[in-house]
Amino acid sequence: MGLVEIMTFNKKAVCALCDKPQAKSYKPFCSARCKLIDLGNWMSGDYKLPSEEVPSEAEVLDLSDYLSQKKQQV
């Protein structure tokens, strides 16, 4: 067994959000709380996947309308 294999073997899996040890039932998280926080981040748009796709004019107008409505609510 080489040094790299030993170092990899000794690493403990940690939570994707808080770096605490992972729990088997919540992989790759440590708890239901971290799992729900991650889901909330995806749902609110905090996480975005990079894309080369250019939005259509209709999508830009829809986004503009949405942001205008949201601004009026504040």
N, C-alpha and C. Protein backbone atom coordinates (compact mmCIF):
# COMPACT_ATOMS: atom_id res chain seq x y z
N MET A 1 0.85 -1.17 0.00
CA MET A 1 0.00 0.00 0.00
C MET A 1 0.90 1.24 0.00
N GLY A 2 0.66 2.17 -0.94
CA GLY A 2 1.47 3.38 -1.04
C GLY A 2 1.02 4.46 -0.07
N LEU A 3 1.81 5.51 0.05
CA LEU A 3 1.52 6.61 0.97
C LEU A 3 0.20 7.29 0.64
N VAL A 4 -0.07 7.51 -0.64
CA VAL A 4 -1.32 8.16 -1.05
C VAL A 4 -2.51 7.30 -0.64
N GLU A 5 -2.41 6.00 -0.82
CA GLU A 5 -3.50 5.10 -0.43
C GLU A 5 -3.72 5.12 1.07
N ILE A 6 -2.67 5.18 1.85
CA ILE A 6 -2.79 5.23 3.31
C ILE A 6 -3.44 6.55 3.73
N MET A 7 -3.03 7.65 3.14
CA MET A 7 -3.60 8.96 3.49
C MET A 7 -5.08 8.99 3.14
N THR A 8 -5.47 8.45 1.98
CA THR A 8 -6.86 8.42 1.56
C THR A 8 -7.67 7.51 2.48
N PHE A 9 -7.09 6.39 2.86
CA PHE A 9 -7.77 5.43 3.72
C PHE A 9 -8.07 6.01 5.09
N ASN A 10 -7.20 6.85 5.63
CA ASN A 10 -7.36 7.40 6.97
C ASN A 10 -8.26 8.64 7.02
N LYS A 11 -8.64 9.19 5.88
CA LYS A 11 -9.51 10.37 5.87
C LYS A 11 -10.93 9.97 6.27
N LYS A 12 -11.53 10.78 7.10
CA LYS A 12 -12.92 10.56 7.51
C LYS A 12 -13.82 11.40 6.61
N ALA A 13 -14.97 10.87 6.24
CA ALA A 13 -15.93 11.61 5.44
C ALA A 13 -16.59 12.67 6.32
N VAL A 14 -16.66 13.90 5.80
CA VAL A 14 -17.24 15.00 6.56
C VAL A 14 -18.47 15.56 5.85
N CYS A 15 -19.31 16.23 6.61
CA CYS A 15 -20.54 16.84 6.11
C CYS A 15 -20.21 17.86 5.02
N ALA A 16 -21.02 17.89 3.99
CA ALA A 16 -20.82 18.80 2.87
C ALA A 16 -21.05 20.26 3.27
N LEU A 17 -21.72 20.51 4.40
CA LEU A 17 -21.98 21.88 4.83
C LEU A 17 -21.14 22.34 6.01
N CYS A 18 -21.02 21.51 7.03
CA CYS A 18 -20.42 21.99 8.29
C CYS A 18 -19.12 21.29 8.69
N ASP A 19 -18.67 20.33 7.91
CA ASP A 19 -17.43 19.59 8.16
C ASP A 19 -17.44 18.70 9.41
N LYS A 20 -18.60 18.44 9.98
CA LYS A 20 -18.71 17.44 11.04
C LYS A 20 -18.70 16.06 10.38
N PRO A 21 -18.44 15.00 11.13
CA PRO A 21 -18.46 13.66 10.53
C PRO A 21 -19.82 13.32 9.92
N GLN A 22 -19.79 12.69 8.76
CA GLN A 22 -21.03 12.30 8.09
C GLN A 22 -21.77 11.22 8.87
N ALA A 23 -23.09 11.24 8.79
CA ALA A 23 -23.91 10.17 9.35
C ALA A 23 -24.37 9.30 8.18
N LYS A 24 -24.32 7.99 8.34
CA LYS A 24 -24.69 7.08 7.25
C LYS A 24 -26.09 7.37 6.72
N SER A 25 -27.02 7.67 7.59
CA SER A 25 -28.41 7.87 7.16
C SER A 25 -28.64 9.21 6.48
N TYR A 26 -27.67 10.13 6.55
CA TYR A 26 -27.86 11.46 5.94
C TYR A 26 -26.77 11.80 4.92
N LYS A 27 -26.00 10.81 4.47
CA LYS A 27 -24.90 11.06 3.53
C LYS A 27 -25.31 11.99 2.41
N PRO A 28 -24.57 12.97 2.01
CA PRO A 28 -23.23 13.35 2.47
C PRO A 28 -23.26 14.38 3.61
N PHE A 29 -24.31 14.36 4.41
CA PHE A 29 -24.46 15.32 5.51
C PHE A 29 -24.33 14.63 6.86
N CYS A 30 -24.30 15.45 7.92
CA CYS A 30 -24.17 14.90 9.28
C CYS A 30 -25.52 14.77 9.96
N SER A 31 -26.53 15.49 9.47
CA SER A 31 -27.82 15.50 10.15
C SER A 31 -28.93 15.90 9.19
N ALA A 32 -30.17 15.74 9.65
CA ALA A 32 -31.33 16.18 8.86
C ALA A 32 -31.29 17.69 8.69
N ARG A 33 -30.80 18.40 9.69
CA ARG A 33 -30.72 19.86 9.63
C ARG A 33 -29.85 20.31 8.45
N CYS A 34 -28.65 19.78 8.33
CA CYS A 34 -27.76 20.15 7.23
C CYS A 34 -28.36 19.74 5.89
N LYS A 35 -29.03 18.61 5.85
CA LYS A 35 -29.67 18.15 4.61
C LYS A 35 -30.75 19.13 4.18
N LEU A 36 -31.55 19.61 5.12
CA LEU A 36 -32.61 20.57 4.80
C LEU A 36 -32.06 21.94 4.44
N ILE A 37 -30.99 22.36 5.09
CA ILE A 37 -30.35 23.63 4.73
C ILE A 37 -29.87 23.58 3.29
N ASP A 38 -29.25 22.47 2.90
CA ASP A 38 -28.77 22.31 1.53
C ASP A 38 -29.93 22.34 0.54
N LEU A 39 -31.01 21.66 0.85
CA LEU A 39 -32.19 21.66 -0.02
C LEU A 39 -32.73 23.08 -0.16
N GLY A 40 -32.80 23.80 0.95
CA GLY A 40 -33.27 25.19 0.91
C GLY A 40 -32.37 26.07 0.05
N ASN A 41 -31.07 25.84 0.10
CA ASN A 41 -30.14 26.60 -0.74
C ASN A 41 -30.40 26.36 -2.22
N TRP A 42 -30.68 25.11 -2.59
CA TRP A 42 -31.00 24.81 -3.99
C TRP A 42 -32.32 25.45 -4.39
N MET A 43 -33.33 25.33 -3.53
CA MET A 43 -34.66 25.83 -3.86
C MET A 43 -34.70 27.35 -3.96
N SER A 44 -33.88 28.04 -3.16
CA SER A 44 -33.88 29.51 -3.19
C SER A 44 -33.00 30.07 -4.29
N GLY A 45 -32.26 29.20 -4.98
CA GLY A 45 -31.41 29.65 -6.07
C GLY A 45 -30.02 30.07 -5.63
N ASP A 46 -29.65 29.77 -4.38
CA ASP A 46 -28.31 30.11 -3.91
C ASP A 46 -27.24 29.31 -4.64
N TYR A 47 -27.57 28.11 -5.06
CA TYR A 47 -26.64 27.30 -5.85
C TYR A 47 -27.06 27.41 -7.31
N LYS A 48 -26.08 27.61 -8.16
CA LYS A 48 -26.37 27.70 -9.59
C LYS A 48 -25.37 26.86 -10.34
N LEU A 49 -25.83 26.20 -11.38
CA LEU A 49 -24.95 25.41 -12.23
C LEU A 49 -24.52 26.29 -13.40
N PRO A 50 -23.23 26.32 -13.70
CA PRO A 50 -22.77 27.14 -14.82
C PRO A 50 -23.34 26.64 -16.14
N SER A 51 -23.62 27.58 -17.04
CA SER A 51 -24.19 27.21 -18.32
C SER A 51 -23.72 28.19 -19.40
N GLU A 52 -23.58 27.67 -20.59
CA GLU A 52 -23.24 28.50 -21.74
C GLU A 52 -24.52 28.95 -22.46
N GLU A 53 -25.66 28.44 -22.01
CA GLU A 53 -26.93 28.72 -22.66
C GLU A 53 -27.33 30.18 -22.47
N VAL A 54 -27.74 30.81 -23.55
CA VAL A 54 -28.19 32.20 -23.50
C VAL A 54 -29.70 32.19 -23.31
N PRO A 55 -30.22 32.95 -22.32
CA PRO A 55 -31.67 32.95 -22.10
C PRO A 55 -32.41 33.61 -23.28
N SER A 56 -33.61 33.14 -23.53
CA SER A 56 -34.43 33.72 -24.59
C SER A 56 -34.95 35.08 -24.14
N GLU A 57 -35.44 35.86 -25.08
CA GLU A 57 -36.00 37.18 -24.75
C GLU A 57 -37.18 37.03 -23.79
N ALA A 58 -37.99 36.01 -23.98
CA ALA A 58 -39.14 35.78 -23.10
C ALA A 58 -38.69 35.51 -21.67
N GLU A 59 -37.62 34.72 -21.51
CA GLU A 59 -37.10 34.43 -20.16
C GLU A 59 -36.58 35.70 -19.49
N VAL A 60 -35.92 36.54 -20.25
CA VAL A 60 -35.40 37.80 -19.71
C VAL A 60 -36.56 38.70 -19.28
N LEU A 61 -37.60 38.78 -20.10
CA LEU A 61 -38.77 39.60 -19.75
C LEU A 61 -39.48 39.05 -18.52
N ASP A 62 -39.61 37.72 -18.43
CA ASP A 62 -40.23 37.10 -17.26
C ASP A 62 -39.44 37.42 -16.00
N LEU A 63 -38.13 37.33 -16.08
CA LEU A 63 -37.28 37.63 -14.93
C LEU A 63 -37.40 39.10 -14.55
N SER A 64 -37.43 39.97 -15.54
CA SER A 64 -37.58 41.40 -15.28
C SER A 64 -38.90 41.69 -14.57
N ASP A 65 -39.99 41.08 -15.05
CA ASP A 65 -41.30 41.25 -14.40
C ASP A 65 -41.28 40.74 -12.97
N TYR A 66 -40.68 39.58 -12.77
CA TYR A 66 -40.59 38.99 -11.43
C TYR A 66 -39.83 39.91 -10.48
N LEU A 67 -38.69 40.43 -10.93
CA LEU A 67 -37.89 41.31 -10.07
C LEU A 67 -38.61 42.62 -9.79
N SER A 68 -39.36 43.14 -10.75
CA SER A 68 -40.14 44.37 -10.53
C SER A 68 -41.22 44.13 -9.48
N GLN A 69 -41.91 43.00 -9.56
CA GLN A 69 -42.94 42.67 -8.59
C GLN A 69 -42.35 42.49 -7.19
N LYS A 70 -41.22 41.82 -7.14
CA LYS A 70 -40.56 41.58 -5.86
C LYS A 70 -40.11 42.90 -5.22
N LYS A 71 -39.61 43.82 -6.05
CA LYS A 71 -39.16 45.13 -5.56
C LYS A 71 -40.33 45.93 -4.99
N GLN A 72 -41.49 45.82 -5.62
CA GLN A 72 -42.68 46.54 -5.15
C GLN A 72 -43.19 46.00 -3.82
N GLN A 73 -42.94 44.72 -3.55
CA GLN A 73 -43.39 44.09 -2.31
C GLN A 73 -42.60 44.59 -1.11
N VAL A 74 -41.37 45.04 -1.35
CA VAL A 74 -40.49 45.46 -0.25
C VAL A 74 -40.82 46.81 0.20
